C-alpha atoms as a PDB file:
ATOM      1  CA  MET A   1       0.000   0.000   0.000  1.00  0.00           C
ATOM      2  CA  GLU A   2       2.853   2.417   0.851  1.00  0.00           C
ATOM      3  CA  GLU A   3       4.496   1.703  -2.515  1.00  0.00           C
ATOM      4  CA  LYS A   4       1.316   2.809  -4.286  1.00  0.00           C
ATOM      5  CA  GLN A   5       1.262   6.081  -2.302  1.00  0.00           C
ATOM      6  CA  GLU A   6       4.898   6.838  -3.214  1.00  0.00           C
ATOM      7  CA  GLN A   7       4.076   6.459  -6.915  1.00  0.00           C
ATOM      8  CA  TRP A   8       1.056   8.766  -6.633  1.00  0.00           C
ATOM      9  CA  SER A   9       1.215  12.016  -8.589  1.00  0.00           C
ATOM     10  CA  PRO A  10      -1.263  14.899  -8.882  1.00  0.00           C
ATOM     11  CA  TYR A  11      -0.640  14.792 -12.653  1.00  0.00           C
ATOM     12  CA  ALA A  12      -1.420  11.900 -14.964  1.00  0.00           C
ATOM     13  CA  ARG A  13       1.568  10.080 -16.464  1.00  0.00           C
ATOM     14  CA  VAL A  14      -0.517   7.728 -18.612  1.00  0.00           C
ATOM     15  CA  TYR A  15      -3.904   8.867 -19.876  1.00  0.00           C
ATOM     16  CA  GLU A  16      -6.844   6.805 -18.687  1.00  0.00           C
ATOM     17  CA  PRO A  17     -10.266   8.385 -19.397  1.00  0.00           C
ATOM     18  CA  LEU A  18     -11.830   6.829 -16.304  1.00  0.00           C
ATOM     19  CA  LYS A  19      -9.172   8.341 -14.046  1.00  0.00           C
ATOM     20  CA  ALA A  20      -9.328  11.714 -15.816  1.00  0.00           C
ATOM     21  CA  GLY A  21     -13.010  11.876 -14.861  1.00  0.00           C
ATOM     22  CA  SER A  22     -12.254  11.083 -11.210  1.00  0.00           C
ATOM     23  CA  ILE A  23     -11.215  13.707  -8.671  1.00  0.00           C
ATOM     24  CA  ASP A  24      -8.703  11.347  -7.043  1.00  0.00           C
ATOM     25  CA  GLY A  25      -8.152   8.818  -9.840  1.00  0.00           C
ATOM     26  CA  THR A  26      -9.854   5.944  -7.993  1.00  0.00           C
ATOM     27  CA  ASP A  27     -13.164   5.574  -9.901  1.00  0.00           C
ATOM     28  CA  ILE A  28     -13.842   2.099 -11.263  1.00  0.00           C
ATOM     29  CA  ILE A  29     -17.043   2.626 -13.300  1.00  0.00           C
ATOM     30  CA  PRO A  30     -17.787   5.384 -15.865  1.00  0.00           C
ATOM     31  CA  HIS A  31     -20.226   8.013 -14.618  1.00  0.00           C
ATOM     32  CA  ASP A  32     -20.462  10.106 -17.798  1.00  0.00           C
ATOM     33  CA  LYS A  33     -21.131   9.420 -21.488  1.00  0.00           C
ATOM     34  CA  ALA A  34     -17.973  11.302 -22.464  1.00  0.00           C
ATOM     35  CA  ILE A  35     -15.840   8.918 -20.386  1.00  0.00           C
ATOM     36  CA  THR A  36     -17.532   5.919 -21.968  1.00  0.00           C
ATOM     37  CA  ARG A  37     -16.999   7.448 -25.422  1.00  0.00           C
ATOM     38  CA  ALA A  38     -13.301   8.054 -24.658  1.00  0.00           C
ATOM     39  CA  ILE A  39     -12.846   4.484 -23.397  1.00  0.00           C
ATOM     40  CA  GLN A  40     -14.443   3.059 -26.546  1.00  0.00           C
ATOM     41  CA  SER A  41     -12.771   5.406 -29.042  1.00  0.00           C
ATOM     42  CA  HIS A  42      -9.564   4.781 -30.936  1.00  0.00           C
ATOM     43  CA  TYR A  43      -7.109   7.630 -31.466  1.00  0.00           C
ATOM     44  CA  GLU A  44      -3.878   7.666 -33.437  1.00  0.00           C
ATOM     45  CA  PRO A  45      -1.916  10.912 -33.246  1.00  0.00           C
ATOM     46  CA  PRO A  46      -0.813  12.354 -36.596  1.00  0.00           C
ATOM     47  CA  HIS A  47       2.470  10.896 -37.812  1.00  0.00           C
ATOM     48  CA  ASN A  48       3.153  13.353 -40.627  1.00  0.00           C
ATOM     49  CA  LEU A  49       3.986  16.338 -38.402  1.00  0.00           C
ATOM     50  CA  LYS A  50       7.452  17.853 -38.691  1.00  0.00           C
ATOM     51  CA  SER A  51       7.578  19.278 -35.156  1.00  0.00           C
ATOM     52  CA  LYS A  52       9.216  17.301 -32.358  1.00  0.00           C
ATOM     53  CA  PRO A  53       6.566  16.360 -29.745  1.00  0.00           C
ATOM     54  CA  GLU A  54       8.887  16.651 -26.732  1.00  0.00           C
ATOM     55  CA  ARG A  55       9.525  20.343 -27.451  1.00  0.00           C
ATOM     56  CA  THR A  56       6.018  21.288 -28.645  1.00  0.00           C
ATOM     57  CA  LEU A  57       3.590  23.222 -26.452  1.00  0.00           C
ATOM     58  CA  PHE A  58      -0.201  23.122 -26.509  1.00  0.00           C
ATOM     59  CA  VAL A  59      -1.699  26.605 -26.124  1.00  0.00           C
ATOM     60  CA  ALA A  60      -5.433  26.967 -25.476  1.00  0.00           C
ATOM     61  CA  ARG A  61      -8.076  29.597 -24.664  1.00  0.00           C
ATOM     62  CA  LEU A  62      -6.847  31.874 -27.429  1.00  0.00           C
ATOM     63  CA  GLY A  63      -8.928  34.811 -28.540  1.00  0.00           C
ATOM     64  CA  PRO A  64     -10.545  34.758 -31.995  1.00  0.00           C
ATOM     65  CA  ARG A  65      -8.237  37.467 -33.369  1.00  0.00           C
ATOM     66  CA  ILE A  66      -4.938  35.870 -32.378  1.00  0.00           C
ATOM     67  CA  SER A  67      -2.243  35.685 -35.058  1.00  0.00           C
ATOM     68  CA  LYS A  68       0.871  33.570 -35.512  1.00  0.00           C
ATOM     69  CA  GLN A  69       2.927  36.726 -35.002  1.00  0.00           C
ATOM     70  CA  ASP A  70       1.202  37.447 -31.648  1.00  0.00           C
ATOM     71  CA  LEU A  71       2.016  33.931 -30.438  1.00  0.00           C
ATOM     72  CA  LYS A  72       5.582  34.052 -31.734  1.00  0.00           C
ATOM     73  CA  GLU A  73       6.237  37.385 -29.965  1.00  0.00           C
ATOM     74  CA  HIS A  74       4.703  36.178 -26.682  1.00  0.00           C
ATOM     75  CA  PHE A  75       6.636  32.890 -26.645  1.00  0.00           C
ATOM     76  CA  SER A  76       9.946  34.203 -28.001  1.00  0.00           C
ATOM     77  CA  ARG A  77      10.467  36.093 -24.722  1.00  0.00           C
ATOM     78  CA  GLN A  78      11.149  32.671 -23.154  1.00  0.00           C
ATOM     79  CA  GLY A  79      13.318  31.167 -25.910  1.00  0.00           C
ATOM     80  CA  ASP A  80      13.644  30.417 -29.598  1.00  0.00           C
ATOM     81  CA  VAL A  81      10.357  29.616 -31.348  1.00  0.00           C
ATOM     82  CA  LEU A  82      10.760  27.265 -34.321  1.00  0.00           C
ATOM     83  CA  SER A  83       7.134  27.065 -35.487  1.00  0.00           C
ATOM     84  CA  VAL A  84       3.589  28.142 -34.649  1.00  0.00           C
ATOM     85  CA  LYS A  85       0.465  26.311 -35.832  1.00  0.00           C
ATOM     86  CA  ILE A  86      -2.953  27.821 -35.081  1.00  0.00           C
ATOM     87  CA  VAL A  87      -5.643  25.179 -35.503  1.00  0.00           C
ATOM     88  CA  VAL A  88      -8.547  26.294 -37.710  1.00  0.00           C
ATOM     89  CA  ASP A  89     -11.922  24.777 -38.562  1.00  0.00           C
ATOM     90  CA  VAL A  90     -11.646  22.965 -41.910  1.00  0.00           C
ATOM     91  CA  VAL A  91     -15.086  24.178 -43.026  1.00  0.00           C
ATOM     92  CA  THR A  92     -15.191  27.821 -41.891  1.00  0.00           C
ATOM     93  CA  GLY A  93     -11.452  28.542 -41.677  1.00  0.00           C
ATOM     94  CA  LEU A  94     -11.995  30.228 -38.309  1.00  0.00           C
ATOM     95  CA  PRO A  95      -9.548  29.617 -35.437  1.00  0.00           C
ATOM     96  CA  GLN A  96     -10.570  26.864 -33.001  1.00  0.00           C
ATOM     97  CA  GLY A  97      -9.037  28.668 -30.009  1.00  0.00           C
ATOM     98  CA  TYR A  98      -5.903  26.585 -29.655  1.00  0.00           C
ATOM     99  CA  ALA A  99      -2.459  26.288 -31.201  1.00  0.00           C
ATOM    100  CA  PHE A 100       0.848  24.430 -31.042  1.00  0.00           C
ATOM    101  CA  VAL A 101       4.166  26.214 -30.540  1.00  0.00           C
ATOM    102  CA  GLU A 102       7.463  24.407 -31.100  1.00  0.00           C
ATOM    103  CA  MET A 103      10.444  25.639 -29.089  1.00  0.00           C
ATOM    104  CA  LYS A 104      14.143  25.116 -29.913  1.00  0.00           C
ATOM    105  CA  ASP A 105      14.710  22.424 -27.279  1.00  0.00           C
ATOM    106  CA  GLU A 106      12.944  20.404 -24.607  1.00  0.00           C
ATOM    107  CA  GLU A 107      14.309  22.449 -21.700  1.00  0.00           C
ATOM    108  CA  GLN A 108      12.963  25.685 -23.219  1.00  0.00           C
ATOM    109  CA  ALA A 109       9.581  24.034 -23.775  1.00  0.00           C
ATOM    110  CA  HIS A 110       9.302  22.914 -20.127  1.00  0.00           C
ATOM    111  CA  ARG A 111      10.423  26.300 -18.814  1.00  0.00           C
ATOM    112  CA  THR A 112       8.037  28.147 -21.152  1.00  0.00           C
ATOM    113  CA  ALA A 113       5.091  25.951 -20.142  1.00  0.00           C
ATOM    114  CA  ARG A 114       5.737  26.763 -16.471  1.00  0.00           C
ATOM    115  CA  ARG A 115       6.230  30.491 -17.006  1.00  0.00           C
ATOM    116  CA  LEU A 116       3.517  31.291 -19.547  1.00  0.00           C
ATOM    117  CA  HIS A 117       0.653  29.163 -18.192  1.00  0.00           C
ATOM    118  CA  ASP A 118      -2.147  31.472 -16.971  1.00  0.00           C
ATOM    119  CA  THR A 119      -0.586  34.572 -18.561  1.00  0.00           C
ATOM    120  CA  THR A 120      -2.655  37.043 -20.561  1.00  0.00           C
ATOM    121  CA  LEU A 121      -2.327  37.347 -24.335  1.00  0.00           C
ATOM    122  CA  ASN A 122      -4.462  39.961 -26.149  1.00  0.00           C
ATOM    123  CA  GLY A 123      -6.855  40.123 -23.200  1.00  0.00           C
ATOM    124  CA  HIS A 124      -7.300  36.347 -22.828  1.00  0.00           C
ATOM    125  CA  LYS A 125      -5.859  34.220 -20.017  1.00  0.00           C
ATOM    126  CA  ILE A 126      -4.178  31.327 -21.844  1.00  0.00           C
ATOM    127  CA  LEU A 127      -3.446  27.736 -20.903  1.00  0.00           C
ATOM    128  CA  VAL A 128       0.039  26.494 -21.825  1.00  0.00           C
ATOM    129  CA  ASP A 129       0.971  22.837 -21.410  1.00  0.00           C
ATOM    130  CA  LEU A 130       3.197  20.273 -23.039  1.00  0.00           C
ATOM    131  CA  GLU A 131       1.758  18.475 -26.057  1.00  0.00           C
ATOM    132  CA  ARG A 132       0.034  15.256 -24.949  1.00  0.00           C
ATOM    133  CA  GLY A 133      -1.215  13.723 -28.218  1.00  0.00           C
ATOM    134  CA  ARG A 134       2.162  12.324 -29.256  1.00  0.00           C
ATOM    135  CA  THR A 135       3.846  12.089 -25.848  1.00  0.00           C
ATOM    136  CA  MET A 136       1.311  10.596 -23.426  1.00  0.00           C
ATOM    137  CA  LYS A 137       0.371   6.943 -23.745  1.00  0.00           C
ATOM    138  CA  GLY A 138      -3.367   6.429 -24.195  1.00  0.00           C
ATOM    139  CA  TRP A 139      -4.141  10.094 -24.915  1.00  0.00           C
ATOM    140  CA  LYS A 140      -7.644  10.898 -26.219  1.00  0.00           C
ATOM    141  CA  PRO A 141      -8.532  14.425 -27.392  1.00  0.00           C
ATOM    142  CA  ARG A 142     -11.614  16.304 -26.168  1.00  0.00           C
ATOM    143  CA  ARG A 143     -13.549  15.601 -29.374  1.00  0.00           C
ATOM    144  CA  LEU A 144     -13.435  11.892 -28.463  1.00  0.00           C
ATOM    145  CA  GLY A 145     -14.481  12.452 -24.844  1.00  0.00           C
ATOM    146  CA  GLY A 146     -10.956  12.752 -23.468  1.00  0.00           C
ATOM    147  CA  GLY A 147      -8.693  15.628 -22.517  1.00  0.00           C
ATOM    148  CA  PHE A 148      -7.816  17.162 -19.166  1.00  0.00           C
ATOM    149  CA  GLY A 149      -9.525  20.534 -19.163  1.00  0.00           C
ATOM    150  CA  GLY A 150     -12.852  22.148 -19.605  1.00  0.00           C
ATOM    151  CA  LYS A 151     -16.301  21.375 -18.379  1.00  0.00           C
ATOM    152  CA  LYS A 152     -18.800  19.466 -20.479  1.00  0.00           C
ATOM    153  CA  GLU A 153     -22.486  20.377 -20.585  1.00  0.00           C
ATOM    154  CA  SER A 154     -23.088  17.420 -18.272  1.00  0.00           C
ATOM    155  CA  GLY A 155     -20.945  19.080 -15.602  1.00  0.00           C
ATOM    156  CA  GLN A 156     -18.319  16.322 -15.769  1.00  0.00           C
ATOM    157  CA  LEU A 157     -14.879  17.732 -14.973  1.00  0.00           C
ATOM    158  CA  ARG A 158     -11.497  16.390 -16.079  1.00  0.00           C
ATOM    159  CA  PHE A 159      -8.642  15.817 -13.660  1.00  0.00           C
ATOM    160  CA  GLY A 160      -4.967  14.935 -13.787  1.00  0.00           C
ATOM    161  CA  GLY A 161      -3.834  18.037 -15.684  1.00  0.00           C
ATOM    162  CA  LYS A 162      -2.536  21.497 -14.815  1.00  0.00           C
ATOM    163  CA  ASP A 163      -5.858  23.178 -14.075  1.00  0.00           C
ATOM    164  CA  ARG A 164      -7.343  20.320 -12.036  1.00  0.00           C
ATOM    165  CA  PRO A 165      -4.711  18.005 -10.574  1.00  0.00           C
ATOM    166  CA  PHE A 166      -5.808  14.812  -8.834  1.00  0.00           C
ATOM    167  CA  LYS A 167      -6.509  15.106  -5.122  1.00  0.00           C
ATOM    168  CA  LYS A 168      -4.628  12.618  -2.977  1.00  0.00           C
ATOM    169  CA  PRO A 169      -6.943   9.619  -2.350  1.00  0.00           C
ATOM    170  CA  ILE A 170      -7.960   8.804   1.197  1.00  0.00           C
ATOM    171  CA  LEU A 171      -6.847   5.241   1.777  1.00  0.00           C
ATOM    172  CA  ILE A 172      -9.201   3.842   4.446  1.00  0.00           C
ATOM    173  CA  GLY A 173      -7.084   0.760   5.204  1.00  0.00           C
ATOM    174  CA  SER A 174      -3.961   2.819   5.987  1.00  0.00           C
ATOM    175  CA  MET A 175      -5.397   4.941   8.805  1.00  0.00           C
ATOM    176  CA  ARG A 176      -4.058   2.813  11.678  1.00  0.00           C
END
């Protein structure tokens, strides 16, 4: 039991939809349709990307008028920016509110994620985290019921990420 507590982390190391829907990571049955959808879905991250996943940052909560230049200027204060990709809707061409920024090296990416998370860019408080799609085993994006952030219409929250880390579970058997 003690060994399990030592391995505990407030942040997920492997993505499991059931745990991401649980405040302490101990749930054993799905309590939301999104979790069930994430468990049943299959996701393969894109393999044709040129950016290196270990030095790529996920940036979310961007305003609708954000430009590549705005992102490059904001992130270049922390290090060398190699590329910026703002994700747009394939039908309308409008920004989806998130982007990927590739830094020069892994150390810069980690430092930038720590320093720029919850900063303001063009009047919007942004979320900055490491890319999970190609680096975290089992990752499922929000569109498939996965992800760490946000709040679905059902009220189901996601845990294990920066905004909502897991709470340490109360182990009943170890209270002696």
